[in-house]
Amino acid sequence: MKALLQRVSSANVKVDGRVVGQIDRGYVILLGVTHEDGQAEADWLANKIAGLRLFEDGEGKMNLSLFDVDGSVLVVSQFTLYGDARKGRRPSFTHAARPDHAEPLVDYFCDKLRQRSLTVATGVFGAMMQVEIHNDGPVTLMLER
C-alpha cells in the first residue's frame, strides 16, 4: 500500500463538476493498493499518518499533528501509484490491485482514520476526478508498507 501524502491549506475533489469531498487544513492522501495488501498494511499506514507531525509549531519546526491543528484528511484512491513506466512509453498497471480487492481496503483505511477521531473526506472510487490541492510548504511524503 502506498500513500502520497501532501500537507494542504485546503483541497477538494470533484466528480462531474460536483464537489464530493473537501477539507481545509490537513492532508491529501493519494492511496494506492497492490495485490498483496490487506488490513495489516492499512492499519499500519493509518496509524503512521494519524501520528505524523508535519505542521509547524511556533518555532517553525514540524512538531504538530493533525490533532494539534484540528486538521482533516482527504483520501483519493489512486491506482496509478503502482504504474510501472520502466519499459516503453505507456505505463503498466499490473501491480495495482483490481477494484474488487482495492475498494474495500480503501474504505477500511478511511474507517481506521475515522476511528482515530479524524475527519475524513473522500473521492469516489473508480471515478474520473479532478483534485484541487493547495499544497502547504510544499510538504509531500511517500509512505509505503
N, C-alpha and C. Protein backbone atom coordinates (compact mmCIF):
# COMPACT_ATOMS: atom_id res chain seq x y z
N MET A 1 0.86 -1.17 0.00
CA MET A 1 0.00 0.00 0.00
C MET A 1 0.90 1.23 0.00
N LYS A 2 0.57 2.17 -0.86
CA LYS A 2 1.31 3.42 -0.97
C LYS A 2 0.39 4.59 -0.71
N ALA A 3 0.95 5.58 -0.01
CA ALA A 3 0.21 6.82 0.22
C ALA A 3 1.13 7.98 -0.14
N LEU A 4 0.72 8.77 -1.11
CA LEU A 4 1.39 10.03 -1.39
C LEU A 4 0.63 11.07 -0.59
N LEU A 5 1.29 11.59 0.43
CA LEU A 5 0.65 12.49 1.39
C LEU A 5 1.14 13.91 1.13
N GLN A 6 0.21 14.84 1.04
CA GLN A 6 0.55 16.24 0.87
C GLN A 6 -0.12 17.05 1.97
N ARG A 7 0.68 17.89 2.63
CA ARG A 7 0.12 18.81 3.62
C ARG A 7 -0.52 19.95 2.84
N VAL A 8 -1.76 20.28 3.16
CA VAL A 8 -2.50 21.27 2.40
C VAL A 8 -3.14 22.32 3.30
N SER A 9 -3.34 23.50 2.71
CA SER A 9 -4.14 24.52 3.39
C SER A 9 -5.62 24.31 3.08
N SER A 10 -5.90 23.70 1.91
CA SER A 10 -7.26 23.30 1.54
C SER A 10 -7.17 22.39 0.33
N ALA A 11 -8.24 21.62 0.10
CA ALA A 11 -8.30 20.73 -1.06
C ALA A 11 -9.73 20.30 -1.27
N ASN A 12 -10.02 19.93 -2.53
CA ASN A 12 -11.32 19.35 -2.81
C ASN A 12 -11.19 18.39 -3.98
N VAL A 13 -12.18 17.54 -4.12
CA VAL A 13 -12.24 16.61 -5.23
C VAL A 13 -13.64 16.71 -5.84
N LYS A 14 -13.66 16.77 -7.19
CA LYS A 14 -14.92 16.89 -7.92
C LYS A 14 -15.10 15.69 -8.83
N VAL A 15 -16.34 15.30 -8.99
CA VAL A 15 -16.75 14.29 -9.97
C VAL A 15 -17.87 14.92 -10.77
N ASP A 16 -17.73 14.93 -12.09
CA ASP A 16 -18.72 15.55 -12.98
C ASP A 16 -19.03 16.99 -12.57
N GLY A 17 -17.98 17.72 -12.16
CA GLY A 17 -18.13 19.13 -11.81
C GLY A 17 -18.72 19.39 -10.44
N ARG A 18 -19.04 18.34 -9.69
CA ARG A 18 -19.66 18.49 -8.37
C ARG A 18 -18.66 18.10 -7.28
N VAL A 19 -18.50 18.96 -6.27
CA VAL A 19 -17.60 18.67 -5.16
C VAL A 19 -18.17 17.50 -4.36
N VAL A 20 -17.36 16.43 -4.23
CA VAL A 20 -17.79 15.25 -3.47
C VAL A 20 -17.03 15.12 -2.17
N GLY A 21 -15.93 15.84 -2.03
CA GLY A 21 -15.15 15.83 -0.80
C GLY A 21 -14.29 17.07 -0.73
N GLN A 22 -14.18 17.65 0.46
CA GLN A 22 -13.33 18.82 0.61
C GLN A 22 -12.88 18.95 2.05
N ILE A 23 -11.70 19.55 2.20
CA ILE A 23 -11.16 19.81 3.54
C ILE A 23 -10.50 21.18 3.54
N ASP A 24 -10.29 21.69 4.73
CA ASP A 24 -9.43 22.85 4.90
C ASP A 24 -8.06 22.30 5.27
N ARG A 25 -7.44 22.81 6.27
CA ARG A 25 -6.09 22.40 6.66
C ARG A 25 -6.03 20.89 6.96
N GLY A 26 -5.01 20.25 6.43
CA GLY A 26 -4.85 18.83 6.69
C GLY A 26 -3.96 18.16 5.68
N TYR A 27 -4.30 16.91 5.35
CA TYR A 27 -3.55 16.11 4.40
C TYR A 27 -4.44 15.64 3.26
N VAL A 28 -3.92 15.68 2.06
CA VAL A 28 -4.50 14.94 0.96
C VAL A 28 -3.68 13.67 0.85
N ILE A 29 -4.36 12.54 0.80
CA ILE A 29 -3.69 11.25 0.68
C ILE A 29 -4.15 10.60 -0.61
N LEU A 30 -3.22 10.47 -1.56
CA LEU A 30 -3.46 9.70 -2.76
C LEU A 30 -3.05 8.28 -2.41
N LEU A 31 -4.00 7.34 -2.43
CA LEU A 31 -3.80 6.00 -1.88
C LEU A 31 -3.83 4.94 -2.97
N GLY A 32 -2.76 4.15 -3.04
CA GLY A 32 -2.68 3.05 -3.98
C GLY A 32 -2.61 1.72 -3.27
N VAL A 33 -3.26 0.72 -3.86
CA VAL A 33 -3.32 -0.62 -3.28
C VAL A 33 -2.77 -1.61 -4.29
N THR A 34 -1.95 -2.54 -3.80
CA THR A 34 -1.44 -3.60 -4.65
C THR A 34 -2.04 -4.94 -4.23
N HIS A 35 -1.78 -5.98 -4.99
CA HIS A 35 -2.42 -7.29 -4.80
C HIS A 35 -2.19 -7.89 -3.42
N GLU A 36 -1.01 -7.70 -2.87
CA GLU A 36 -0.65 -8.34 -1.60
C GLU A 36 -1.15 -7.59 -0.38
N ASP A 37 -1.70 -6.40 -0.56
CA ASP A 37 -2.12 -5.59 0.57
C ASP A 37 -3.35 -6.16 1.25
N GLY A 38 -3.39 -5.95 2.56
CA GLY A 38 -4.52 -6.39 3.37
C GLY A 38 -4.73 -5.41 4.51
N GLN A 39 -5.51 -5.83 5.48
CA GLN A 39 -5.84 -4.95 6.61
C GLN A 39 -4.61 -4.57 7.42
N ALA A 40 -3.61 -5.44 7.51
CA ALA A 40 -2.41 -5.12 8.28
C ALA A 40 -1.69 -3.91 7.69
N GLU A 41 -1.60 -3.84 6.37
CA GLU A 41 -0.96 -2.70 5.72
C GLU A 41 -1.78 -1.43 5.91
N ALA A 42 -3.09 -1.55 5.81
CA ALA A 42 -3.96 -0.39 6.00
C ALA A 42 -3.89 0.11 7.45
N ASP A 43 -3.86 -0.81 8.41
CA ASP A 43 -3.74 -0.44 9.82
C ASP A 43 -2.44 0.33 10.07
N TRP A 44 -1.34 -0.21 9.56
CA TRP A 44 -0.03 0.41 9.77
C TRP A 44 -0.02 1.82 9.19
N LEU A 45 -0.51 1.94 7.97
CA LEU A 45 -0.49 3.23 7.28
C LEU A 45 -1.39 4.25 7.97
N ALA A 46 -2.57 3.84 8.39
CA ALA A 46 -3.49 4.76 9.08
C ALA A 46 -2.88 5.23 10.40
N ASN A 47 -2.27 4.32 11.15
CA ASN A 47 -1.63 4.70 12.42
C ASN A 47 -0.45 5.63 12.19
N LYS A 48 0.34 5.35 11.17
CA LYS A 48 1.50 6.19 10.86
C LYS A 48 1.04 7.60 10.50
N ILE A 49 0.07 7.70 9.63
CA ILE A 49 -0.39 9.02 9.17
C ILE A 49 -1.05 9.80 10.31
N ALA A 50 -1.85 9.14 11.11
CA ALA A 50 -2.52 9.83 12.22
C ALA A 50 -1.51 10.41 13.20
N GLY A 51 -0.36 9.78 13.35
CA GLY A 51 0.63 10.24 14.31
C GLY A 51 1.70 11.16 13.76
N LEU A 52 1.74 11.34 12.45
CA LEU A 52 2.79 12.18 11.86
C LEU A 52 2.68 13.62 12.36
N ARG A 53 3.83 14.22 12.56
CA ARG A 53 3.89 15.63 12.98
C ARG A 53 4.50 16.43 11.82
N LEU A 54 3.64 16.95 10.97
CA LEU A 54 4.09 17.66 9.77
C LEU A 54 3.70 19.13 9.75
N PHE A 55 3.07 19.60 10.82
CA PHE A 55 2.67 21.00 10.89
C PHE A 55 3.63 21.76 11.81
N GLU A 56 3.90 23.00 11.44
CA GLU A 56 4.89 23.78 12.16
C GLU A 56 4.33 24.34 13.47
N ASP A 57 5.20 24.32 14.49
CA ASP A 57 4.87 24.92 15.77
C ASP A 57 5.27 26.39 15.74
N GLY A 58 5.24 27.05 16.86
CA GLY A 58 5.57 28.47 16.95
C GLY A 58 7.00 28.79 16.59
N GLU A 59 7.87 27.79 16.62
CA GLU A 59 9.28 27.99 16.28
C GLU A 59 9.59 27.56 14.85
N GLY A 60 8.56 27.21 14.08
CA GLY A 60 8.77 26.82 12.70
C GLY A 60 9.23 25.39 12.50
N LYS A 61 9.15 24.57 13.54
CA LYS A 61 9.56 23.17 13.43
C LYS A 61 8.33 22.28 13.25
N MET A 62 8.48 21.22 12.46
CA MET A 62 7.37 20.28 12.26
C MET A 62 7.18 19.44 13.52
N ASN A 63 6.37 19.95 14.44
CA ASN A 63 6.13 19.28 15.72
C ASN A 63 4.65 19.02 15.99
N LEU A 64 3.77 19.46 15.09
CA LEU A 64 2.35 19.36 15.36
C LEU A 64 1.69 18.34 14.44
N SER A 65 0.73 17.60 14.99
CA SER A 65 0.00 16.58 14.23
C SER A 65 -1.34 17.14 13.77
N LEU A 66 -2.07 16.32 13.04
CA LEU A 66 -3.42 16.69 12.63
C LEU A 66 -4.29 17.07 13.82
N PHE A 67 -4.14 16.32 14.92
CA PHE A 67 -4.94 16.58 16.11
C PHE A 67 -4.63 17.95 16.71
N ASP A 68 -3.35 18.34 16.66
CA ASP A 68 -2.93 19.62 17.24
C ASP A 68 -3.46 20.81 16.46
N VAL A 69 -3.70 20.64 15.16
CA VAL A 69 -4.14 21.76 14.32
C VAL A 69 -5.59 21.61 13.87
N ASP A 70 -6.30 20.64 14.46
CA ASP A 70 -7.69 20.36 14.09
C ASP A 70 -7.80 20.12 12.58
N GLY A 71 -6.86 19.32 12.06
CA GLY A 71 -6.80 19.05 10.63
C GLY A 71 -7.70 17.90 10.20
N SER A 72 -7.91 17.83 8.91
CA SER A 72 -8.74 16.79 8.29
C SER A 72 -7.93 16.07 7.22
N VAL A 73 -8.53 15.03 6.66
CA VAL A 73 -7.87 14.22 5.64
C VAL A 73 -8.82 14.06 4.45
N LEU A 74 -8.26 14.20 3.25
CA LEU A 74 -8.98 13.91 2.01
C LEU A 74 -8.28 12.73 1.36
N VAL A 75 -8.96 11.59 1.26
CA VAL A 75 -8.39 10.38 0.69
C VAL A 75 -8.95 10.17 -0.71
N VAL A 76 -8.03 10.00 -1.67
CA VAL A 76 -8.40 9.77 -3.06
C VAL A 76 -7.70 8.51 -3.53
N SER A 77 -8.48 7.51 -3.95
CA SER A 77 -7.87 6.28 -4.45
C SER A 77 -7.09 6.59 -5.73
N GLN A 78 -5.92 5.97 -5.87
CA GLN A 78 -5.02 6.33 -6.97
C GLN A 78 -4.24 5.10 -7.41
N PHE A 79 -4.86 4.28 -8.28
CA PHE A 79 -4.19 3.06 -8.73
C PHE A 79 -2.92 3.35 -9.51
N THR A 80 -2.80 4.55 -10.06
CA THR A 80 -1.62 4.88 -10.87
C THR A 80 -0.34 4.98 -10.03
N LEU A 81 -0.46 5.00 -8.71
CA LEU A 81 0.75 4.96 -7.87
C LEU A 81 1.52 3.66 -8.09
N TYR A 82 0.84 2.64 -8.58
CA TYR A 82 1.51 1.37 -8.88
C TYR A 82 1.80 1.23 -10.38
N GLY A 83 1.82 2.33 -11.09
CA GLY A 83 2.19 2.30 -12.50
C GLY A 83 3.69 2.04 -12.66
N ASP A 84 4.03 1.26 -13.67
CA ASP A 84 5.43 0.94 -13.96
C ASP A 84 5.74 1.43 -15.38
N ALA A 85 6.57 2.45 -15.47
CA ALA A 85 6.90 3.05 -16.77
C ALA A 85 8.36 2.79 -17.16
N ARG A 86 8.95 1.73 -16.61
CA ARG A 86 10.35 1.44 -16.93
C ARG A 86 10.53 1.00 -18.38
N LYS A 87 9.51 0.34 -18.94
CA LYS A 87 9.59 -0.12 -20.33
C LYS A 87 8.57 0.64 -21.17
N GLY A 88 8.95 0.93 -22.39
CA GLY A 88 8.01 1.55 -23.32
C GLY A 88 7.59 2.94 -22.93
N ARG A 89 6.51 3.38 -23.53
CA ARG A 89 6.03 4.75 -23.30
C ARG A 89 4.68 4.79 -22.59
N ARG A 90 4.07 3.64 -22.43
CA ARG A 90 2.78 3.58 -21.74
C ARG A 90 2.97 2.75 -20.47
N PRO A 91 2.62 3.29 -19.32
CA PRO A 91 2.84 2.54 -18.08
C PRO A 91 1.97 1.28 -17.99
N SER A 92 2.51 0.32 -17.29
CA SER A 92 1.78 -0.90 -16.96
C SER A 92 1.22 -0.74 -15.55
N PHE A 93 0.01 -1.22 -15.36
CA PHE A 93 -0.62 -1.12 -14.04
C PHE A 93 -0.89 -2.51 -13.45
N THR A 94 -0.10 -3.49 -13.85
CA THR A 94 -0.32 -4.86 -13.39
C THR A 94 -0.09 -5.03 -11.89
N HIS A 95 0.66 -4.10 -11.27
CA HIS A 95 0.89 -4.20 -9.83
C HIS A 95 -0.25 -3.59 -9.01
N ALA A 96 -1.12 -2.84 -9.65
CA ALA A 96 -2.26 -2.25 -8.95
C ALA A 96 -3.32 -3.33 -8.70
N ALA A 97 -3.90 -3.30 -7.52
CA ALA A 97 -4.94 -4.28 -7.18
C ALA A 97 -6.19 -4.02 -8.02
N ARG A 98 -6.90 -5.08 -8.31
CA ARG A 98 -8.17 -4.96 -9.02
C ARG A 98 -9.19 -4.27 -8.09
N PRO A 99 -10.18 -3.61 -8.67
CA PRO A 99 -11.14 -2.87 -7.85
C PRO A 99 -11.83 -3.69 -6.76
N ASP A 100 -12.14 -4.96 -7.03
CA ASP A 100 -12.82 -5.77 -6.02
C ASP A 100 -11.95 -6.04 -4.80
N HIS A 101 -10.64 -5.90 -4.93
CA HIS A 101 -9.72 -6.03 -3.80
C HIS A 101 -9.40 -4.65 -3.21
N ALA A 102 -9.19 -3.66 -4.08
CA ALA A 102 -8.73 -2.35 -3.63
C ALA A 102 -9.82 -1.53 -2.93
N GLU A 103 -11.01 -1.51 -3.48
CA GLU A 103 -12.05 -0.64 -2.91
C GLU A 103 -12.36 -0.94 -1.44
N PRO A 104 -12.54 -2.21 -1.06
CA PRO A 104 -12.78 -2.47 0.37
C PRO A 104 -11.61 -2.04 1.26
N LEU A 105 -10.38 -2.15 0.76
CA LEU A 105 -9.23 -1.73 1.56
C LEU A 105 -9.14 -0.21 1.68
N VAL A 106 -9.50 0.51 0.64
CA VAL A 106 -9.54 1.97 0.73
C VAL A 106 -10.60 2.37 1.76
N ASP A 107 -11.76 1.75 1.71
CA ASP A 107 -12.81 2.03 2.70
C ASP A 107 -12.35 1.69 4.11
N TYR A 108 -11.69 0.56 4.27
CA TYR A 108 -11.17 0.13 5.57
C TYR A 108 -10.16 1.15 6.09
N PHE A 109 -9.25 1.59 5.23
CA PHE A 109 -8.25 2.59 5.61
C PHE A 109 -8.93 3.87 6.11
N CYS A 110 -9.93 4.34 5.39
CA CYS A 110 -10.66 5.55 5.79
C CYS A 110 -11.35 5.34 7.14
N ASP A 111 -11.95 4.16 7.33
CA ASP A 111 -12.59 3.85 8.61
C ASP A 111 -11.59 3.85 9.76
N LYS A 112 -10.38 3.34 9.50
CA LYS A 112 -9.35 3.33 10.55
C LYS A 112 -8.96 4.75 10.94
N LEU A 113 -8.88 5.65 9.98
CA LEU A 113 -8.59 7.05 10.30
C LEU A 113 -9.74 7.66 11.10
N ARG A 114 -10.96 7.35 10.71
CA ARG A 114 -12.13 7.87 11.45
C ARG A 114 -12.15 7.33 12.88
N GLN A 115 -11.76 6.08 13.06
CA GLN A 115 -11.70 5.51 14.40
C GLN A 115 -10.69 6.22 15.29
N ARG A 116 -9.74 6.90 14.66
CA ARG A 116 -8.76 7.69 15.40
C ARG A 116 -9.28 9.11 15.64
N SER A 117 -10.56 9.33 15.39
CA SER A 117 -11.25 10.62 15.59
C SER A 117 -10.83 11.69 14.59
N LEU A 118 -10.41 11.26 13.40
CA LEU A 118 -10.09 12.21 12.34
C LEU A 118 -11.29 12.40 11.42
N THR A 119 -11.44 13.61 10.92
CA THR A 119 -12.45 13.88 9.91
C THR A 119 -11.87 13.48 8.56
N VAL A 120 -12.60 12.62 7.83
CA VAL A 120 -12.10 12.08 6.57
C VAL A 120 -13.12 12.35 5.47
N ALA A 121 -12.67 13.02 4.42
CA ALA A 121 -13.45 13.19 3.20
C ALA A 121 -12.82 12.29 2.14
N THR A 122 -13.61 11.93 1.12
CA THR A 122 -13.09 11.03 0.10
C THR A 122 -13.54 11.46 -1.29
N GLY A 123 -12.85 10.90 -2.26
CA GLY A 123 -13.31 10.96 -3.63
C GLY A 123 -14.28 9.83 -3.86
N VAL A 124 -14.51 9.48 -5.13
CA VAL A 124 -15.40 8.37 -5.49
C VAL A 124 -14.54 7.30 -6.16
N PHE A 125 -14.49 6.14 -5.58
CA PHE A 125 -13.63 5.07 -6.09
C PHE A 125 -13.96 4.78 -7.55
N GLY A 126 -12.92 4.77 -8.38
CA GLY A 126 -13.06 4.41 -9.78
C GLY A 126 -13.57 5.50 -10.69
N ALA A 127 -13.94 6.64 -10.14
CA ALA A 127 -14.48 7.74 -10.96
C ALA A 127 -13.34 8.59 -11.51
N MET A 128 -13.63 9.29 -12.60
CA MET A 128 -12.72 10.33 -13.08
C MET A 128 -12.91 11.52 -12.16
N MET A 129 -11.83 11.94 -11.52
CA MET A 129 -11.92 13.00 -10.53
C MET A 129 -10.98 14.15 -10.87
N GLN A 130 -11.36 15.34 -10.49
CA GLN A 130 -10.49 16.50 -10.54
C GLN A 130 -10.18 16.87 -9.10
N VAL A 131 -8.89 16.84 -8.77
CA VAL A 131 -8.46 17.11 -7.41
C VAL A 131 -7.75 18.46 -7.38
N GLU A 132 -8.26 19.35 -6.56
CA GLU A 132 -7.65 20.67 -6.38
C GLU A 132 -6.92 20.67 -5.05
N ILE A 133 -5.60 20.87 -5.12
CA ILE A 133 -4.76 20.78 -3.93
C ILE A 133 -4.01 22.09 -3.75
N HIS A 134 -4.12 22.67 -2.58
CA HIS A 134 -3.33 23.84 -2.22
C HIS A 134 -2.26 23.37 -1.25
N ASN A 135 -1.15 22.88 -1.85
CA ASN A 135 -0.07 22.30 -1.07
C ASN A 135 0.54 23.36 -0.17
N ASP A 136 0.74 23.02 1.08
CA ASP A 136 1.25 23.94 2.09
C ASP A 136 2.70 23.61 2.37
N GLY A 137 3.59 24.47 1.96
CA GLY A 137 5.01 24.26 2.21
C GLY A 137 5.87 24.46 0.98
N PRO A 138 5.84 23.60 0.03
CA PRO A 138 5.11 22.34 -0.04
C PRO A 138 5.76 21.26 0.83
N VAL A 139 4.89 20.42 1.38
CA VAL A 139 5.31 19.25 2.14
C VAL A 139 4.64 18.04 1.50
N THR A 140 5.44 17.12 0.98
CA THR A 140 4.93 15.92 0.33
C THR A 140 5.77 14.73 0.75
N LEU A 141 5.12 13.64 1.17
CA LEU A 141 5.82 12.42 1.58
C LEU A 141 5.22 11.22 0.86
N MET A 142 6.08 10.26 0.52
CA MET A 142 5.61 8.95 0.02
C MET A 142 5.78 7.96 1.16
N LEU A 143 4.69 7.34 1.56
CA LEU A 143 4.71 6.32 2.60
C LEU A 143 4.31 5.00 1.96
N GLU A 144 5.01 3.94 2.35
CA GLU A 144 4.71 2.63 1.76
C GLU A 144 4.87 1.56 2.81
N ARG A 145 3.94 0.62 2.76
CA ARG A 145 4.00 -0.54 3.67
C ARG A 145 3.69 -1.76 2.87
